[in-house]
Protein backbone atom coordinates (compact mmCIF):
# COMPACT_ATOMS: atom_id res chain seq x y z
CA MET A 1 40.10 -31.22 -97.92
CA ALA A 2 37.59 -29.39 -95.99
CA GLY A 3 34.46 -31.35 -97.29
CA ARG A 4 36.06 -34.59 -96.31
CA GLN A 5 36.61 -33.37 -92.65
CA HIS A 6 33.28 -32.47 -92.74
CA GLU A 7 31.83 -35.70 -94.34
CA GLU A 8 33.96 -37.65 -91.51
CA SER A 9 32.56 -35.13 -88.46
CA ARG A 10 29.24 -35.63 -89.63
CA ALA A 11 29.55 -39.75 -90.16
CA GLU A 12 31.11 -39.74 -86.71
CA VAL A 13 27.86 -37.64 -85.08
CA GLU A 14 25.80 -40.12 -86.84
CA GLU A 15 27.89 -42.61 -85.08
CA VAL A 16 27.78 -41.90 -81.84
CA ILE A 17 24.19 -40.74 -81.74
CA ALA A 18 23.25 -44.16 -82.98
CA SER A 19 24.57 -45.48 -79.65
CA ALA A 20 22.27 -43.32 -77.86
CA ASP A 21 20.09 -45.33 -75.63
CA ASP A 22 17.53 -42.75 -75.98
CA ASP A 23 16.15 -39.54 -77.94
CA ALA A 24 17.40 -37.34 -74.75
CA GLU A 25 21.07 -39.12 -74.86
CA ARG A 26 20.49 -38.78 -78.65
CA GLU A 27 20.22 -34.73 -77.77
CA ARG A 28 22.43 -34.43 -74.88
CA ILE A 29 25.47 -35.23 -77.06
CA LEU A 30 24.44 -33.48 -80.17
CA VAL A 31 23.75 -30.06 -77.66
CA GLU A 32 27.29 -30.94 -76.05
CA ARG A 33 28.91 -30.94 -79.00
CA ALA A 34 27.62 -28.44 -80.72
CA ARG A 35 28.55 -26.52 -77.61
CA ALA A 36 31.93 -27.42 -78.31
CA GLY A 37 31.84 -25.83 -81.95
CA GLN A 38 31.06 -29.26 -83.88
CA ALA A 39 29.53 -28.12 -87.05
CA ALA A 40 27.97 -31.28 -88.01
CA ALA A 41 26.14 -31.81 -84.31
CA TRP A 42 24.38 -28.18 -84.84
CA SER A 43 23.57 -29.02 -88.48
CA ARG A 44 21.85 -32.15 -87.09
CA LEU A 45 19.93 -30.32 -84.57
CA TYR A 46 18.88 -27.79 -87.14
CA HIS A 47 17.81 -30.46 -89.42
CA ASP A 48 15.89 -32.28 -86.59
CA HIS A 49 13.70 -29.30 -84.82
CA TYR A 50 13.32 -26.91 -88.16
CA ASP A 51 10.40 -28.85 -89.33
CA ARG A 52 8.19 -28.54 -86.23
CA LEU A 53 9.73 -25.01 -85.54
CA LEU A 54 8.42 -23.85 -88.61
CA ARG A 55 4.63 -25.92 -88.16
CA ASP A 56 4.41 -24.24 -84.90
CA LEU A 57 5.52 -20.26 -86.18
CA THR A 58 3.56 -20.75 -89.43
CA TYR A 59 0.33 -21.54 -87.28
CA LEU A 60 0.75 -18.79 -85.12
CA ALA A 61 2.12 -16.17 -87.68
CA GLY A 62 -0.27 -16.93 -90.43
CA ASP A 63 2.26 -16.50 -93.05
CA VAL A 64 4.79 -19.15 -94.08
CA ALA A 65 7.58 -16.64 -95.40
CA LEU A 66 7.15 -14.53 -92.39
CA ALA A 67 7.67 -18.18 -90.35
CA GLU A 68 10.67 -19.05 -92.47
CA ASP A 69 12.30 -15.75 -91.21
CA LEU A 70 11.26 -15.90 -87.87
CA VAL A 71 12.56 -20.09 -87.67
CA GLN A 72 16.18 -18.62 -89.19
CA GLU A 73 16.72 -16.12 -86.68
CA THR A 74 15.59 -18.41 -83.91
CA PHE A 75 18.34 -21.01 -84.86
CA ILE A 76 20.52 -17.74 -84.64
CA ARG A 77 19.60 -16.67 -81.53
CA ALA A 78 19.92 -20.10 -79.96
CA LEU A 79 23.44 -21.14 -81.45
CA THR A 80 24.83 -17.53 -80.27
CA CYS A 81 23.15 -18.28 -76.62
CA LEU A 82 23.68 -22.11 -76.72
CA ALA A 83 26.46 -21.89 -73.95
CA ARG A 84 23.61 -20.92 -71.86
CA PHE A 85 20.87 -23.66 -72.40
CA ASP A 86 21.00 -25.45 -68.65
CA GLY A 87 19.60 -28.74 -69.85
CA ARG A 88 16.25 -28.13 -67.39
CA SER A 89 13.79 -28.51 -70.41
CA CYS A 90 14.50 -30.04 -73.26
CA PHE A 91 15.98 -28.65 -76.50
CA ALA A 92 13.14 -28.80 -78.39
CA SER A 93 10.98 -26.27 -75.63
CA TRP A 94 14.01 -24.12 -75.04
CA LEU A 95 14.37 -23.44 -78.81
CA ARG A 96 10.76 -23.08 -79.25
CA GLY A 97 10.73 -20.11 -76.45
CA ILE A 98 13.12 -18.49 -78.15
CA GLY A 99 10.49 -18.50 -81.19
CA LEU A 100 7.57 -17.83 -79.05
CA ASN A 101 9.44 -14.42 -77.82
CA LEU A 102 10.22 -13.42 -81.51
CA ILE A 103 6.51 -14.17 -82.30
CA ARG A 104 5.44 -11.79 -79.57
CA GLN A 105 7.94 -9.18 -80.59
CA HIS A 106 6.44 -9.20 -84.21
CA TRP A 107 2.80 -9.01 -82.57
CA ARG A 108 3.73 -5.97 -80.96
CA SER A 109 3.09 -3.91 -84.06
CA TRP A 110 -0.50 -3.55 -84.49
CA SER A 111 -0.12 -3.91 -88.45
CA ARG A 112 1.71 -6.61 -88.76
CA ARG A 113 -0.41 -8.32 -85.72
CA ARG A 114 -3.54 -8.10 -87.81
CA ARG A 115 -1.08 -9.24 -91.22
CA ALA A 116 0.05 -12.09 -89.21
CA HIS A 117 -3.63 -13.19 -87.80
CA ALA A 118 -5.39 -13.00 -91.51
CA HIS A 119 -4.42 -16.89 -92.64
CA LEU A 120 -5.45 -17.97 -89.02
CA VAL A 121 -8.65 -16.47 -89.66
CA GLU A 122 -9.39 -17.65 -92.67
CA ILE A 123 -8.88 -21.03 -91.54
CA HIS A 124 -11.01 -20.75 -88.78
CA ALA A 125 -13.58 -18.82 -90.63
CA ARG A 126 -13.62 -21.05 -94.08
CA ILE A 127 -14.59 -18.32 -96.27
CA ALA A 128 -13.82 -20.13 -99.39
CA PRO A 129 -17.05 -20.92 -100.61
CA PRO A 130 -17.96 -23.42 -102.92
CA LYS A 131 -18.02 -22.49 -106.85
CA ASP A 132 -21.79 -22.69 -106.64
CA ALA A 133 -21.90 -20.40 -103.90
CA ASP A 134 -24.25 -17.67 -102.97
CA PRO A 135 -22.46 -14.34 -103.98
CA GLU A 136 -24.17 -12.85 -100.81
CA GLY A 137 -23.58 -15.46 -98.49
CA ALA A 138 -20.06 -15.78 -99.41
CA GLU A 139 -19.52 -11.36 -98.82
CA LEU A 140 -21.26 -12.10 -95.03
CA GLN A 141 -18.53 -15.15 -94.45
CA ARG A 142 -15.94 -12.51 -95.45
CA ARG A 143 -16.94 -10.02 -93.66
CA ARG A 144 -17.45 -12.04 -90.60
CA ALA A 145 -14.17 -13.33 -91.10
CA LEU A 146 -12.84 -9.64 -90.76
CA ALA A 147 -14.97 -9.35 -87.82
CA LEU A 148 -13.45 -12.30 -86.21
CA GLN A 149 -9.85 -10.76 -87.13
CA ALA A 150 -10.48 -7.41 -86.03
CA VAL A 151 -11.66 -9.18 -82.56
CA LEU A 152 -8.42 -11.34 -82.38
CA ASP A 153 -6.19 -8.19 -82.60
CA THR A 154 -7.49 -6.99 -79.68
CA LEU A 155 -7.11 -10.20 -77.23
CA PRO A 156 -3.74 -9.82 -74.64
CA GLY A 157 -0.87 -12.13 -76.52
CA HIS A 158 -0.92 -15.05 -73.72
CA LEU A 159 -5.17 -15.30 -74.41
CA ARG A 160 -4.14 -15.04 -78.22
CA GLU A 161 -2.02 -17.85 -78.37
CA ALA A 162 -4.19 -20.09 -76.21
CA PHE A 163 -7.33 -19.26 -78.59
CA VAL A 164 -4.55 -20.21 -81.69
CA PHE A 165 -3.86 -23.88 -80.69
CA ALA A 166 -6.73 -24.80 -78.81
CA ASP A 167 -9.53 -23.32 -81.45
CA LEU A 168 -8.03 -22.59 -84.63
CA ARG A 169 -5.26 -25.19 -84.31
CA ARG A 170 -7.32 -27.54 -82.18
CA LEU A 171 -4.09 -29.11 -80.86
CA PRO A 172 -4.45 -31.76 -77.92
CA SER A 173 -4.31 -29.74 -74.68
CA SER A 174 -1.38 -31.39 -73.40
CA GLU A 175 0.80 -30.80 -76.83
CA ALA A 176 -0.28 -26.64 -76.58
CA ALA A 177 0.28 -26.35 -73.14
CA ALA A 178 3.98 -27.67 -73.98
CA LEU A 179 4.15 -25.45 -76.70
CA LEU A 180 3.42 -22.38 -74.58
CA GLY A 181 5.73 -23.82 -71.45
CA ILE A 182 2.07 -23.56 -69.39
CA SER A 183 0.09 -26.43 -67.44
CA ALA A 184 -2.69 -27.78 -69.61
CA GLY A 185 -5.34 -26.21 -66.45
CA ASN A 186 -3.70 -22.88 -67.55
CA LEU A 187 -4.27 -23.50 -71.06
CA ARG A 188 -7.82 -24.38 -70.93
CA ILE A 189 -8.57 -21.22 -68.41
CA ARG A 190 -6.88 -18.81 -71.32
CA ALA A 191 -8.54 -20.09 -73.95
CA THR A 192 -12.16 -19.97 -71.98
CA ARG A 193 -11.60 -16.36 -71.16
CA ALA A 194 -10.24 -15.48 -74.69
CA ARG A 195 -13.52 -17.41 -75.98
CA ALA A 196 -15.63 -15.51 -73.61
CA ARG A 197 -14.09 -12.03 -74.50
CA ILE A 198 -14.55 -12.89 -78.57
CA HIS A 199 -18.19 -13.99 -77.96
CA ARG A 200 -19.10 -10.93 -76.35
CA GLU A 201 -17.50 -8.41 -78.76
CA LEU A 202 -19.02 -10.68 -81.58
CA ALA A 203 -22.34 -10.37 -80.05
CA ARG A 204 -21.45 -6.34 -79.20
CA LEU A 205 -20.65 -6.27 -82.75
CA GLY A 206 -23.84 -7.85 -84.27
CA TRP A 207 -21.82 -10.88 -85.60
CA LEU A 208 -24.29 -13.25 -83.13
CA THR A 209 -27.69 -14.11 -83.35
CA GLU A 210 -29.88 -13.92 -80.21
CA GLY A 211 -29.97 -18.56 -80.38
CA GLN A 212 -25.94 -17.90 -80.21
CA ARG A 213 -25.70 -15.41 -77.03
């Protein structure tokens, strides 16, 4: 009986959102029904936003398993405070903000922050050498990656986030800015400051040649 009711509820939700004029109206309907306690509506919101949120948090955390845990925690927190969602931003932005707060809490731990950035640094530095690569060259690349990781760990969170999205993930400025809840101009300023600090620190550590300084 419960299974049948769930199927009927899900079918009702699908029918209602199919009649929505646009995506914004569709999302508004789902949020309203989820607030009213309709599980099928919340299930649809979860389904619609899970993959995008997982992708975003994976790039920031650098670890899929960790990102999956944080995504689940994000949805739990969103459900418990759904009544406070005022609709001034889209649901995706609101949800992403919760996820970013969780990431920032995670980064407050020095050792966890180092692990979280390890995979991002590997992506940026392209440290995996071809099979016929020079072993000494591969070791040099590995050490450069570790140096960059160490420098990333010293950046303030807001600069690190801008560098991750602008340089490591290479998102369009508008998309990265929306993800972080700032203007495109602010994103460019933060990314520029992050690059400058990274450049100075790598030069101080001897990882940049004269021509690169």
